[in-house]
């Protein structure tokens, strides 16, 4: 019984917070493609999509073109390029000379028996 409200809430959030609601406009895309097929019998689907999504030009059916999925001005995909303001640099300055000094390693190190005492069984006195 709790499954239906959860699915409904998930769908409402998905359609509201993402551009998933643009998929509901797919029938308009198909209708508009068939309108173009009436005007030009030789147009392919690829040419239709190329003309409507890659080449933004204002023509006689511009208002109809703006009803297509992912074509509106408030669409997040159309308005989401990353713009970096001028004057901001993301590079860290690197010093010209870097002086690394490594600590000296003593070769005569003897292992300490301190940690070995932990793992030995107890001795009886």
PDB file of N, CA and C in Angstrom:
ATOM      1  N   UNK A   1       0.818  -1.190   0.000  1.00  0.00           N
ATOM      2  CA  UNK A   1       0.000   0.000   0.000  1.00  0.00           C
ATOM      3  C   UNK A   1       0.866   1.261   0.000  1.00  0.00           C
ATOM      4  N   UNK A   2       2.017   1.192   0.633  1.00  0.00           N
ATOM      5  CA  UNK A   2       2.901   2.360   0.685  1.00  0.00           C
ATOM      6  C   UNK A   2       3.702   2.529  -0.605  1.00  0.00           C
ATOM      7  N   UNK A   3       3.679   1.532  -1.440  1.00  0.00           N
ATOM      8  CA  UNK A   3       4.491   1.556  -2.661  1.00  0.00           C
ATOM      9  C   UNK A   3       3.963   2.579  -3.674  1.00  0.00           C
ATOM     10  N   UNK A   4       2.652   2.647  -3.866  1.00  0.00           N
ATOM     11  CA  UNK A   4       2.067   3.564  -4.840  1.00  0.00           C
ATOM     12  C   UNK A   4       2.342   5.031  -4.489  1.00  0.00           C
ATOM     13  N   UNK A   5       2.119   5.480  -3.236  1.00  0.00           N
ATOM     14  CA  UNK A   5       2.447   6.879  -2.921  1.00  0.00           C
ATOM     15  C   UNK A   5       3.941   7.195  -3.080  1.00  0.00           C
ATOM     16  N   UNK A   6       4.797   6.228  -2.787  1.00  0.00           N
ATOM     17  CA  UNK A   6       6.234   6.460  -2.936  1.00  0.00           C
ATOM     18  C   UNK A   6       6.607   6.636  -4.406  1.00  0.00           C
ATOM     19  N   UNK A   7       6.040   5.799  -5.264  1.00  0.00           N
ATOM     20  CA  UNK A   7       6.307   5.917  -6.699  1.00  0.00           C
ATOM     21  C   UNK A   7       5.742   7.223  -7.241  1.00  0.00           C
ATOM     22  N   UNK A   8       4.540   7.577  -6.804  1.00  0.00           N
ATOM     23  CA  UNK A   8       3.919   8.828  -7.242  1.00  0.00           C
ATOM     24  C   UNK A   8       4.753  10.038  -6.817  1.00  0.00           C
ATOM     25  N   UNK A   9       5.214  10.038  -5.588  1.00  0.00           N
ATOM     26  CA  UNK A   9       6.050  11.137  -5.103  1.00  0.00           C
ATOM     27  C   UNK A   9       7.372  11.206  -5.867  1.00  0.00           C
ATOM     28  N   UNK A  10       7.952  10.058  -6.146  1.00  0.00           N
ATOM     29  CA  UNK A  10       9.196  10.017  -6.913  1.00  0.00           C
ATOM     30  C   UNK A  10       8.997  10.579  -8.316  1.00  0.00           C
ATOM     31  N   UNK A  11       7.896  10.228  -8.964  1.00  0.00           N
ATOM     32  CA  UNK A  11       7.617  10.747 -10.301  1.00  0.00           C
ATOM     33  C   UNK A  11       7.375  12.253 -10.283  1.00  0.00           C
ATOM     34  N   UNK A  12       6.629  12.722  -9.296  1.00  0.00           N
ATOM     35  CA  UNK A  12       6.375  14.167  -9.192  1.00  0.00           C
ATOM     36  C   UNK A  12       7.684  14.920  -8.995  1.00  0.00           C
ATOM     37  N   UNK A  13       8.543  14.429  -8.124  1.00  0.00           N
ATOM     38  CA  UNK A  13       9.837  15.088  -7.901  1.00  0.00           C
ATOM     39  C   UNK A  13      10.725  15.015  -9.136  1.00  0.00           C
ATOM     40  N   UNK A  14      10.729  13.879  -9.812  1.00  0.00           N
ATOM     41  CA  UNK A  14      11.571  13.728 -11.002  1.00  0.00           C
ATOM     42  C   UNK A  14      11.120  14.660 -12.112  1.00  0.00           C
ATOM     43  N   UNK A  15       9.819  14.791 -12.309  1.00  0.00           N
ATOM     44  CA  UNK A  15       9.318  15.674 -13.361  1.00  0.00           C
ATOM     45  C   UNK A  15       9.496  17.143 -12.997  1.00  0.00           C
ATOM     46  N   UNK A  16       9.476  17.447 -11.716  1.00  0.00           N
ATOM     47  CA  UNK A  16       9.604  18.849 -11.305  1.00  0.00           C
ATOM     48  C   UNK A  16      11.061  19.300 -11.214  1.00  0.00           C
ATOM     49  N   UNK A  17      11.926  18.484 -10.671  1.00  0.00           N
ATOM     50  CA  UNK A  17      13.303  18.889 -10.408  1.00  0.00           C
ATOM     51  C   UNK A  17      14.237  18.664 -11.587  1.00  0.00           C
ATOM     52  N   UNK A  18      13.860  17.854 -12.548  1.00  0.00           N
ATOM     53  CA  UNK A  18      14.717  17.579 -13.698  1.00  0.00           C
ATOM     54  C   UNK A  18      13.991  17.995 -14.969  1.00  0.00           C
ATOM     55  N   UNK A  19      14.621  17.769 -16.086  1.00  0.00           N
ATOM     56  CA  UNK A  19      14.004  18.084 -17.370  1.00  0.00           C
ATOM     57  C   UNK A  19      13.240  16.892 -17.931  1.00  0.00           C
ATOM     58  N   UNK A  20      12.857  15.977 -17.072  1.00  0.00           N
ATOM     59  CA  UNK A  20      12.130  14.791 -17.496  1.00  0.00           C
ATOM     60  C   UNK A  20      10.766  15.139 -18.081  1.00  0.00           C
ATOM     61  N   UNK A  21      10.195  16.277 -17.673  1.00  0.00           N
ATOM     62  CA  UNK A  21       8.897  16.674 -18.213  1.00  0.00           C
ATOM     63  C   UNK A  21       8.974  17.018 -19.700  1.00  0.00           C
ATOM     64  N   UNK A  22      10.173  17.248 -20.212  1.00  0.00           N
ATOM     65  CA  UNK A  22      10.324  17.522 -21.636  1.00  0.00           C
ATOM     66  C   UNK A  22       9.976  16.300 -22.485  1.00  0.00           C
ATOM     67  N   UNK A  23      10.075  15.119 -21.899  1.00  0.00           N
ATOM     68  CA  UNK A  23       9.744  13.894 -22.630  1.00  0.00           C
ATOM     69  C   UNK A  23       8.257  13.868 -22.972  1.00  0.00           C
ATOM     70  N   UNK A  24       7.436  14.548 -22.185  1.00  0.00           N
ATOM     71  CA  UNK A  24       6.008  14.611 -22.474  1.00  0.00           C
ATOM     72  C   UNK A  24       5.724  15.378 -23.767  1.00  0.00           C
ATOM     73  N   UNK A  25       6.702  16.123 -24.264  1.00  0.00           N
ATOM     74  CA  UNK A  25       6.535  16.882 -25.503  1.00  0.00           C
ATOM     75  C   UNK A  25       6.940  16.083 -26.744  1.00  0.00           C
ATOM     76  N   UNK A  26       7.302  14.833 -26.602  1.00  0.00           N
ATOM     77  CA  UNK A  26       7.697  14.016 -27.753  1.00  0.00           C
ATOM     78  C   UNK A  26       6.603  13.876 -28.816  1.00  0.00           C
ATOM     79  N   UNK A  27       5.322  13.772 -28.454  1.00  0.00           N
ATOM     80  CA  UNK A  27       4.306  13.739 -29.511  1.00  0.00           C
ATOM     81  C   UNK A  27       4.294  15.001 -30.376  1.00  0.00           C
ATOM     82  N   UNK A  28       4.605  16.145 -29.795  1.00  0.00           N
ATOM     83  CA  UNK A  28       4.684  17.385 -30.574  1.00  0.00           C
ATOM     84  C   UNK A  28       5.833  17.291 -31.574  1.00  0.00           C
ATOM     85  N   UNK A  29       6.947  16.683 -31.154  1.00  0.00           N
ATOM     86  CA  UNK A  29       8.080  16.499 -32.059  1.00  0.00           C
ATOM     87  C   UNK A  29       7.694  15.631 -33.254  1.00  0.00           C
ATOM     88  N   UNK A  30       6.967  14.561 -33.001  1.00  0.00           N
ATOM     89  CA  UNK A  30       6.544  13.664 -34.077  1.00  0.00           C
ATOM     90  C   UNK A  30       5.571  14.375 -35.017  1.00  0.00           C
ATOM     91  N   UNK A  31       4.600  15.100 -34.449  1.00  0.00           N
ATOM     92  CA  UNK A  31       3.644  15.842 -35.274  1.00  0.00           C
ATOM     93  C   UNK A  31       4.354  16.871 -36.146  1.00  0.00           C
ATOM     94  N   UNK A  32       5.295  17.586 -35.558  1.00  0.00           N
ATOM     95  CA  UNK A  32       6.015  18.623 -36.310  1.00  0.00           C
ATOM     96  C   UNK A  32       6.881  17.998 -37.407  1.00  0.00           C
ATOM     97  N   UNK A  33       7.424  16.826 -37.141  1.00  0.00           N
ATOM     98  CA  UNK A  33       8.194  16.133 -38.176  1.00  0.00           C
ATOM     99  C   UNK A  33       7.293  15.777 -39.358  1.00  0.00           C
ATOM    100  N   UNK A  34       6.088  15.288 -39.054  1.00  0.00           N
ATOM    101  CA  UNK A  34       5.159  14.956 -40.141  1.00  0.00           C
ATOM    102  C   UNK A  34       4.690  16.207 -40.886  1.00  0.00           C
ATOM    103  N   UNK A  35       4.585  17.339 -40.195  1.00  0.00           N
ATOM    104  CA  UNK A  35       4.273  18.600 -40.883  1.00  0.00           C
ATOM    105  C   UNK A  35       5.374  18.953 -41.885  1.00  0.00           C
ATOM    106  N   UNK A  36       6.626  18.774 -41.459  1.00  0.00           N
ATOM    107  CA  UNK A  36       7.743  19.046 -42.368  1.00  0.00           C
ATOM    108  C   UNK A  36       7.777  18.038 -43.513  1.00  0.00           C
ATOM    109  N   UNK A  37       7.350  16.805 -43.264  1.00  0.00           N
ATOM    110  CA  UNK A  37       7.297  15.797 -44.325  1.00  0.00           C
ATOM    111  C   UNK A  37       6.263  16.175 -45.390  1.00  0.00           C
ATOM    112  N   UNK A  38       5.171  16.845 -44.980  1.00  0.00           N
ATOM    113  CA  UNK A  38       4.181  17.311 -45.948  1.00  0.00           C
ATOM    114  C   UNK A  38       4.761  18.408 -46.840  1.00  0.00           C
ATOM    115  N   UNK A  39       5.613  19.266 -46.265  1.00  0.00           N
ATOM    116  CA  UNK A  39       6.217  20.350 -47.039  1.00  0.00           C
ATOM    117  C   UNK A  39       7.350  19.843 -47.922  1.00  0.00           C
ATOM    118  N   UNK A  40       8.136  18.917 -47.379  1.00  0.00           N
ATOM    119  CA  UNK A  40       9.285  18.394 -48.112  1.00  0.00           C
ATOM    120  C   UNK A  40       9.309  16.877 -47.942  1.00  0.00           C
ATOM    121  N   UNK A  41       9.010  16.147 -48.982  1.00  0.00           N
ATOM    122  CA  UNK A  41       8.915  14.679 -48.908  1.00  0.00           C
ATOM    123  C   UNK A  41      10.272  14.002 -48.694  1.00  0.00           C
ATOM    124  N   UNK A  42      11.357  14.669 -49.060  1.00  0.00           N
ATOM    125  CA  UNK A  42      12.683  14.051 -48.995  1.00  0.00           C
ATOM    126  C   UNK A  42      13.415  14.293 -47.677  1.00  0.00           C
ATOM    127  N   UNK A  43      12.814  15.005 -46.732  1.00  0.00           N
ATOM    128  CA  UNK A  43      13.516  15.308 -45.475  1.00  0.00           C
ATOM    129  C   UNK A  43      13.583  14.051 -44.607  1.00  0.00           C
ATOM    130  N   UNK A  44      14.745  13.829 -44.050  1.00  0.00           N
ATOM    131  CA  UNK A  44      14.933  12.686 -43.147  1.00  0.00           C
ATOM    132  C   UNK A  44      14.800  13.167 -41.707  1.00  0.00           C
ATOM    133  N   UNK A  45      14.688  12.219 -40.811  1.00  0.00           N
ATOM    134  CA  UNK A  45      14.587  12.576 -39.397  1.00  0.00           C
ATOM    135  C   UNK A  45      15.860  13.274 -38.929  1.00  0.00           C
ATOM    136  N   UNK A  46      17.014  12.804 -39.401  1.00  0.00           N
ATOM    137  CA  UNK A  46      18.274  13.423 -39.008  1.00  0.00           C
ATOM    138  C   UNK A  46      18.345  14.873 -39.487  1.00  0.00           C
ATOM    139  N   UNK A  47      17.917  15.125 -40.720  1.00  0.00           N
ATOM    140  CA  UNK A  47      17.919  16.497 -41.242  1.00  0.00           C
ATOM    141  C   UNK A  47      16.953  17.383 -40.465  1.00  0.00           C
ATOM    142  N   UNK A  48      15.803  16.814 -40.097  1.00  0.00           N
ATOM    143  CA  UNK A  48      14.824  17.552 -39.311  1.00  0.00           C
ATOM    144  C   UNK A  48      15.408  17.942 -37.950  1.00  0.00           C
ATOM    145  N   UNK A  49      16.016  16.979 -37.259  1.00  0.00           N
ATOM    146  CA  UNK A  49      16.607  17.264 -35.947  1.00  0.00           C
ATOM    147  C   UNK A  49      17.776  18.237 -36.062  1.00  0.00           C
ATOM    148  N   UNK A  50      18.558  18.094 -37.111  1.00  0.00           N
ATOM    149  CA  UNK A  50      19.682  18.989 -37.332  1.00  0.00           C
ATOM    150  C   UNK A  50      19.199  20.422 -37.549  1.00  0.00           C
ATOM    151  N   UNK A  51      18.143  20.586 -38.330  1.00  0.00           N
ATOM    152  CA  UNK A  51      17.613  21.921 -38.612  1.00  0.00           C
ATOM    153  C   UNK A  51      16.986  22.561 -37.381  1.00  0.00           C
ATOM    154  N   UNK A  52      16.405  21.750 -36.499  1.00  0.00           N
ATOM    155  CA  UNK A  52      15.694  22.322 -35.362  1.00  0.00           C
ATOM    156  C   UNK A  52      16.527  22.433 -34.092  1.00  0.00           C
ATOM    157  N   UNK A  53      17.597  21.658 -33.994  1.00  0.00           N
ATOM    158  CA  UNK A  53      18.372  21.692 -32.754  1.00  0.00           C
ATOM    159  C   UNK A  53      19.787  22.217 -32.933  1.00  0.00           C
ATOM    160  N   UNK A  54      20.364  22.105 -34.111  1.00  0.00           N
ATOM    161  CA  UNK A  54      21.729  22.600 -34.308  1.00  0.00           C
ATOM    162  C   UNK A  54      21.765  23.977 -34.946  1.00  0.00           C
ATOM    163  N   UNK A  55      20.777  24.293 -35.761  1.00  0.00           N
ATOM    164  CA  UNK A  55      20.738  25.585 -36.444  1.00  0.00           C
ATOM    165  C   UNK A  55      19.549  26.371 -35.918  1.00  0.00           C
ATOM    166  N   UNK A  56      19.825  27.326 -35.038  1.00  0.00           N
ATOM    167  CA  UNK A  56      18.746  28.148 -34.492  1.00  0.00           C
ATOM    168  C   UNK A  56      18.489  29.317 -35.422  1.00  0.00           C
ATOM    169  N   UNK A  57      17.417  29.202 -36.181  1.00  0.00           N
ATOM    170  CA  UNK A  57      17.042  30.298 -37.061  1.00  0.00           C
ATOM    171  C   UNK A  57      15.556  30.559 -36.899  1.00  0.00           C
ATOM    172  N   UNK A  58      15.194  31.816 -37.037  1.00  0.00           N
ATOM    173  CA  UNK A  58      13.794  32.206 -36.918  1.00  0.00           C
ATOM    174  C   UNK A  58      13.174  32.121 -38.305  1.00  0.00           C
ATOM    175  N   UNK A  59      12.176  31.255 -38.419  1.00  0.00           N
ATOM    176  CA  UNK A  59      11.500  31.083 -39.701  1.00  0.00           C
ATOM    177  C   UNK A  59       9.995  31.204 -39.483  1.00  0.00           C
ATOM    178  N   UNK A  60       9.208  30.805 -40.468  1.00  0.00           N
ATOM    179  CA  UNK A  60       7.757  30.969 -40.413  1.00  0.00           C
ATOM    180  C   UNK A  60       7.118  30.173 -39.279  1.00  0.00           C
ATOM    181  N   UNK A  61       7.661  29.022 -38.949  1.00  0.00           N
ATOM    182  CA  UNK A  61       7.070  28.199 -37.889  1.00  0.00           C
ATOM    183  C   UNK A  61       7.903  28.234 -36.606  1.00  0.00           C
ATOM    184  N   UNK A  62       8.465  29.384 -36.306  1.00  0.00           N
ATOM    185  CA  UNK A  62       9.331  29.521 -35.129  1.00  0.00           C
ATOM    186  C   UNK A  62       8.570  29.232 -33.834  1.00  0.00           C
ATOM    187  N   UNK A  63       7.330  29.727 -33.722  1.00  0.00           N
ATOM    188  CA  UNK A  63       6.552  29.492 -32.500  1.00  0.00           C
ATOM    189  C   UNK A  63       6.291  27.995 -32.307  1.00  0.00           C
ATOM    190  N   UNK A  64       6.053  27.292 -33.393  1.00  0.00           N
ATOM    191  CA  UNK A  64       5.852  25.842 -33.314  1.00  0.00           C
ATOM    192  C   UNK A  64       7.155  25.142 -32.949  1.00  0.00           C
ATOM    193  N   UNK A  65       8.273  25.645 -33.468  1.00  0.00           N
ATOM    194  CA  UNK A  65       9.580  25.065 -33.145  1.00  0.00           C
ATOM    195  C   UNK A  65       9.896  25.183 -31.660  1.00  0.00           C
ATOM    196  N   UNK A  66       9.471  26.264 -31.041  1.00  0.00           N
ATOM    197  CA  UNK A  66       9.772  26.471 -29.628  1.00  0.00           C
ATOM    198  C   UNK A  66       8.926  25.580 -28.718  1.00  0.00           C
ATOM    199  N   UNK A  67       7.949  24.890 -29.248  1.00  0.00           N
ATOM    200  CA  UNK A  67       7.150  23.948 -28.462  1.00  0.00           C
ATOM    201  C   UNK A  67       7.798  22.570 -28.407  1.00  0.00           C
ATOM    202  N   UNK A  68       8.848  22.360 -29.172  1.00  0.00           N
ATOM    203  CA  UNK A  68       9.517  21.066 -29.206  1.00  0.00           C
ATOM    204  C   UNK A  68      10.244  20.809 -27.886  1.00  0.00           C
ATOM    205  N   UNK A  69      10.508  19.546 -27.586  1.00  0.00           N
ATOM    206  CA  UNK A  69      11.231  19.241 -26.337  1.00  0.00           C
ATOM    207  C   UNK A  69      12.639  19.831 -26.344  1.00  0.00           C
ATOM    208  N   UNK A  70      13.054  20.327 -25.190  1.00  0.00           N
ATOM    209  CA  UNK A  70      14.386  20.892 -24.950  1.00  0.00           C
ATOM    210  C   UNK A  70      14.668  22.110 -25.821  1.00  0.00           C
ATOM    211  N   UNK A  71      13.628  22.859 -26.209  1.00  0.00           N
ATOM    212  CA  UNK A  71      13.817  24.059 -27.013  1.00  0.00           C
ATOM    213  C   UNK A  71      13.427  25.332 -26.273  1.00  0.00           C
ATOM    214  N   UNK A  72      12.764  25.237 -25.137  1.00  0.00           N
ATOM    215  CA  UNK A  72      12.285  26.428 -24.447  1.00  0.00           C
ATOM    216  C   UNK A  72      13.442  27.139 -23.756  1.00  0.00           C
ATOM    217  N   UNK A  73      13.212  28.397 -23.445  1.00  0.00           N
ATOM    218  CA  UNK A  73      14.255  29.219 -22.829  1.00  0.00           C
ATOM    219  C   UNK A  73      14.538  28.807 -21.392  1.00  0.00           C
ATOM    220  N   UNK A  74      13.556  28.270 -20.708  1.00  0.00           N
ATOM    221  CA  UNK A  74      13.770  27.886 -19.307  1.00  0.00           C
ATOM    222  C   UNK A  74      14.295  26.460 -19.163  1.00  0.00           C
ATOM    223  N   UNK A  75      14.625  25.835 -20.260  1.00  0.00           N
ATOM    224  CA  UNK A  75      15.155  24.477 -20.221  1.00  0.00           C
ATOM    225  C   UNK A  75      16.566  24.512 -19.641  1.00  0.00           C
ATOM    226  N   UNK A  76      16.837  23.640 -18.669  1.00  0.00           N
ATOM    227  CA  UNK A  76      18.134  23.645 -18.005  1.00  0.00           C
ATOM    228  C   UNK A  76      19.256  23.208 -18.932  1.00  0.00           C
ATOM    229  N   UNK A  77      18.982  22.351 -19.895  1.00  0.00           N
ATOM    230  CA  UNK A  77      20.029  21.890 -20.799  1.00  0.00           C
ATOM    231  C   UNK A  77      20.505  23.012 -21.712  1.00  0.00           C
ATOM    232  N   UNK A  78      19.620  23.911 -22.069  1.00  0.00           N
ATOM    233  CA  UNK A  78      19.990  24.997 -22.969  1.00  0.00           C
ATOM    234  C   UNK A  78      20.728  26.100 -22.229  1.00  0.00           C
ATOM    235  N   UNK A  79      20.558  26.182 -20.910  1.00  0.00           N
ATOM    236  CA  UNK A  79      21.140  27.287 -20.161  1.00  0.00           C
ATOM    237  C   UNK A  79      22.144  26.815 -19.122  1.00  0.00           C
ATOM    238  N   UNK A  80      22.842  25.731 -19.394  1.00  0.00           N
ATOM    239  CA  UNK A  80      23.727  25.205 -18.371  1.00  0.00           C
ATOM    240  C   UNK A  80      25.210  25.184 -18.739  1.00  0.00           C
ATOM    241  N   UNK A  81      25.690  25.971 -19.691  1.00  0.00           N
ATOM    242  CA  UNK A  81      27.134  25.936 -19.917  1.00  0.00           C
ATOM    243  C   UNK A  81      27.867  26.601 -18.752  1.00  0.00           C
ATOM    244  N   UNK A  82      29.041  26.097 -18.474  1.00  0.00           N
ATOM    245  CA  UNK A  82      29.849  26.628 -17.387  1.00  0.00           C
ATOM    246  C   UNK A  82      30.524  27.908 -17.845  1.00  0.00           C
ATOM    247  N   UNK A  83      30.285  28.981 -17.121  1.00  0.00           N
ATOM    248  CA  UNK A  83      30.888  30.270 -17.449  1.00  0.00           C
ATOM    249  C   UNK A  83      31.823  30.645 -16.313  1.00  0.00           C
ATOM    250  N   UNK A  84      33.084  30.809 -16.639  1.00  0.00           N
ATOM    251  CA  UNK A  84      34.071  31.195 -15.647  1.00  0.00           C
ATOM    252  C   UNK A  84      34.343  32.686 -15.821  1.00  0.00           C
ATOM    253  N   UNK A  85      34.121  33.490 -14.777  1.00  0.00           N
ATOM    254  CA  UNK A  85      34.379  34.922 -14.910  1.00  0.00           C
ATOM    255  C   UNK A  85      35.849  35.198 -15.180  1.00  0.00           C
ATOM    256  N   UNK A  86      36.097  36.307 -15.860  1.00  0.00           N
ATOM    257  CA  UNK A  86      37.485  36.666 -16.165  1.00  0.00           C
ATOM    258  C   UNK A  86      38.207  37.061 -14.882  1.00  0.00           C
ATOM    259  N   UNK A  87      39.475  36.837 -14.857  1.00  0.00           N
ATOM    260  CA  UNK A  87      40.290  37.221 -13.715  1.00  0.00           C
ATOM    261  C   UNK A  87      40.451  36.125 -12.683  1.00  0.00           C
ATOM    262  N   UNK A  88      39.783  35.014 -12.855  1.00  0.00           N
ATOM    263  CA  UNK A  88      39.921  33.907 -11.924  1.00  0.00           C
ATOM    264  C   UNK A  88      40.879  32.889 -12.529  1.00  0.00           C
ATOM    265  N   UNK A  89      41.895  32.546 -11.769  1.00  0.00           N
ATOM    266  CA  UNK A  89      42.871  31.579 -12.240  1.00  0.00           C
ATOM    267  C   UNK A  89      42.812  30.353 -11.343  1.00  0.00           C
ATOM    268  N   UNK A  90      42.774  29.192 -11.953  1.00  0.00           N
ATOM    269  CA  UNK A  90      42.726  27.955 -11.195  1.00  0.00           C
ATOM    270  C   UNK A  90      44.094  27.282 -11.100  1.00  0.00           C
ATOM    271  N   UNK A  91      45.134  27.927 -11.595  1.00  0.00           N
ATOM    272  CA  UNK A  91      46.474  27.338 -11.539  1.00  0.00           C
ATOM    273  C   UNK A  91      47.184  27.812 -10.284  1.00  0.00           C
ATOM    274  N   UNK A  92      47.860  26.911  -9.627  1.00  0.00           N
ATOM    275  CA  UNK A  92      48.676  27.258  -8.472  1.00  0.00           C
ATOM    276  C   UNK A  92      50.049  27.686  -8.963  1.00  0.00           C
ATOM    277  N   UNK A  93      50.580  28.772  -8.410  1.00  0.00           N
ATOM    278  CA  UNK A  93      51.917  29.173  -8.847  1.00  0.00           C
ATOM    279  C   UNK A  93      52.955  28.145  -8.393  1.00  0.00           C
ATOM    280  N   UNK A  94      53.817  27.758  -9.299  1.00  0.00           N
ATOM    281  CA  UNK A  94      54.860  26.779  -9.010  1.00  0.00           C
ATOM    282  C   UNK A  94      56.173  27.529  -8.839  1.00  0.00           C
ATOM    283  N   UNK A  95      56.866  27.314  -7.718  1.00  0.00           N
ATOM    284  CA  UNK A  95      58.158  27.996  -7.560  1.00  0.00           C
ATOM    285  C   UNK A  95      59.158  27.497  -8.601  1.00  0.00           C
ATOM    286  N   UNK A  96      60.036  28.388  -9.017  1.00  0.00           N
ATOM    287  CA  UNK A  96      60.995  28.033 -10.065  1.00  0.00           C
ATOM    288  C   UNK A  96      62.004  27.002  -9.582  1.00  0.00           C
ATOM    289  N   UNK A  97      62.463  27.136  -8.354  1.00  0.00           N
ATOM    290  CA  UNK A  97      63.410  26.157  -7.812  1.00  0.00           C
ATOM    291  C   UNK A  97      62.790  25.509  -6.580  1.00  0.00           C
ATOM    292  N   UNK A  98      62.876  24.230  -6.523  1.00  0.00           N
ATOM    293  CA  UNK A  98      62.349  23.481  -5.392  1.00  0.00           C
ATOM    294  C   UNK A  98      63.514  22.755  -4.750  1.00  0.00           C
ATOM    295  N   UNK A  99      63.712  22.969  -3.442  1.00  0.00           N
ATOM    296  CA  UNK A  99      64.818  22.358  -2.727  1.00  0.00           C
ATOM    297  C   UNK A  99      64.249  21.297  -1.783  1.00  0.00           C
ATOM    298  N   UNK A 100      64.519  20.059  -2.096  1.00  0.00           N
ATOM    299  CA  UNK A 100      64.087  18.965  -1.248  1.00  0.00           C
ATOM    300  C   UNK A 100      65.279  18.489  -0.426  1.00  0.00           C
ATOM    301  N   UNK A 101      65.078  18.393   0.869  1.00  0.00           N
ATOM    302  CA  UNK A 101      66.100  17.823   1.734  1.00  0.00           C
ATOM    303  C   UNK A 101      65.466  16.613   2.431  1.00  0.00           C
ATOM    304  N   UNK A 102      66.087  15.480   2.242  1.00  0.00           N
ATOM    305  CA  UNK A 102      65.587  14.256   2.828  1.00  0.00           C
ATOM    306  C   UNK A 102      66.318  13.976   4.135  1.00  0.00           C
ATOM    307  N   UNK A 103      65.613  13.422   5.122  1.00  0.00           N
ATOM    308  CA  UNK A 103      66.288  13.103   6.382  1.00  0.00           C
ATOM    309  C   UNK A 103      67.291  11.967   6.175  1.00  0.00           C
ATOM    310  N   UNK A 104      68.338  11.996   6.991  1.00  0.00           N
ATOM    311  CA  UNK A 104      69.345  10.952   6.900  1.00  0.00           C
ATOM    312  C   UNK A 104      68.804   9.674   7.538  1.00  0.00           C
ATOM    313  N   UNK A 105      69.080   8.560   6.910  1.00  0.00           N
ATOM    314  CA  UNK A 105      68.618   7.268   7.413  1.00  0.00           C
ATOM    315  C   UNK A 105      69.804   6.552   8.041  1.00  0.00           C
ATOM    316  N   UNK A 106      69.628   6.155   9.274  1.00  0.00           N
ATOM    317  CA  UNK A 106      70.696   5.423   9.943  1.00  0.00           C
ATOM    318  C   UNK A 106      70.610   3.959   9.537  1.00  0.00           C
ATOM    319  N   UNK A 107      71.724   3.401   9.172  1.00  0.00           N
ATOM    320  CA  UNK A 107      71.754   2.018   8.713  1.00  0.00           C
ATOM    321  C   UNK A 107      71.871   1.024   9.861  1.00  0.00           C
ATOM    322  N   UNK A 108      72.218   1.495  11.054  1.00  0.00           N
ATOM    323  CA  UNK A 108      72.456   0.586  12.182  1.00  0.00           C
ATOM    324  C   UNK A 108      71.236   0.485  13.101  1.00  0.00           C
ATOM    325  N   UNK A 109      70.057   0.574  12.542  1.00  0.00           N
ATOM    326  CA  UNK A 109      68.863   0.493  13.371  1.00  0.00           C
ATOM    327  C   UNK A 109      68.630  -0.947  13.808  1.00  0.00           C
ATOM    328  N   UNK A 110      68.335  -1.110  15.073  1.00  0.00           N
ATOM    329  CA  UNK A 110      68.020  -2.424  15.603  1.00  0.00           C
ATOM    330  C   UNK A 110      66.533  -2.429  15.956  1.00  0.00           C
ATOM    331  N   UNK A 111      65.827  -3.487  15.603  1.00  0.00           N
ATOM    332  CA  UNK A 111      64.397  -3.501  15.911  1.00  0.00           C
ATOM    333  C   UNK A 111      64.158  -3.531  17.412  1.00  0.00           C
ATOM    334  N   UNK A 112      63.150  -2.808  17.803  1.00  0.00           N
ATOM    335  CA  UNK A 112      62.800  -2.748  19.216  1.00  0.00           C
ATOM    336  C   UNK A 112      61.978  -3.983  19.571  1.00  0.00           C
ATOM    337  N   UNK A 113      62.168  -4.518  20.732  1.00  0.00           N
ATOM    338  CA  UNK A 113      61.412  -5.688  21.182  1.00  0.00           C
ATOM    339  C   UNK A 113      60.127  -5.297  21.882  1.00  0.00           C
ATOM    340  N   UNK A 114      59.827  -3.986  21.922  1.00  0.00           N
ATOM    341  CA  UNK A 114      58.645  -3.516  22.643  1.00  0.00           C
ATOM    342  C   UNK A 114      57.361  -4.099  22.060  1.00  0.00           C
ATOM    343  N   UNK A 115      57.221  -4.058  20.743  1.00  0.00           N
ATOM    344  CA  UNK A 115      55.997  -4.574  20.131  1.00  0.00           C
ATOM    345  C   UNK A 115      55.937  -6.096  20.160  1.00  0.00           C
ATOM    346  N   UNK A 116      57.071  -6.738  20.218  1.00  0.00           N
ATOM    347  CA  UNK A 116      57.065  -8.196  20.261  1.00  0.00           C
ATOM    348  C   UNK A 116      56.561  -8.714  21.599  1.00  0.00           C
ATOM    349  N   UNK A 117      56.718  -7.927  22.656  1.00  0.00           N
ATOM    350  CA  UNK A 117      56.262  -8.361  23.973  1.00  0.00           C
ATOM    351  C   UNK A 117      54.741  -8.465  24.053  1.00  0.00           C
ATOM    352  N   UNK A 118      54.048  -7.754  23.214  1.00  0.00           N
ATOM    353  CA  UNK A 118      52.590  -7.777  23.256  1.00  0.00           C
ATOM    354  C   UNK A 118      52.065  -9.148  22.831  1.00  0.00           C
ATOM    355  N   UNK A 119      52.709  -9.754  21.847  1.00  0.00           N
ATOM    356  CA  UNK A 119      52.191 -10.977  21.259  1.00  0.00           C
ATOM    357  C   UNK A 119      52.777 -12.246  21.888  1.00  0.00           C
ATOM    358  N   UNK A 120      53.575 -12.129  22.925  1.00  0.00           N
ATOM    359  CA  UNK A 120      54.147 -13.311  23.579  1.00  0.00           C
ATOM    360  C   UNK A 120      53.166 -13.792  24.657  1.00  0.00           C
ATOM    361  N   UNK A 121      53.133 -15.094  24.867  1.00  0.00           N
ATOM    362  CA  UNK A 121      52.255 -15.593  25.947  1.00  0.00           C
ATOM    363  C   UNK A 121      52.829 -15.185  27.308  1.00  0.00           C
ATOM    364  N   UNK A 122      51.969 -15.086  28.296  1.00  0.00           N
ATOM    365  CA  UNK A 122      52.457 -14.681  29.617  1.00  0.00           C
ATOM    366  C   UNK A 122      53.384 -15.740  30.211  1.00  0.00           C
ATOM    367  N   UNK A 123      54.335 -15.285  30.967  1.00  0.00           N
ATOM    368  CA  UNK A 123      55.299 -16.186  31.600  1.00  0.00           C
ATOM    369  C   UNK A 123      54.902 -16.401  33.063  1.00  0.00           C
ATOM    370  N   UNK A 124      55.144 -17.620  33.538  1.00  0.00           N
ATOM    371  CA  UNK A 124      54.863 -17.893  34.939  1.00  0.00           C
ATOM    372  C   UNK A 124      56.133 -17.639  35.723  1.00  0.00           C
ATOM    373  N   UNK A 125      55.994 -17.120  36.888  1.00  0.00           N
ATOM    374  CA  UNK A 125      57.167 -16.802  37.690  1.00  0.00           C
ATOM    375  C   UNK A 125      57.556 -17.877  38.631  1.00  0.00           C
TER     376      UNK A 125
END
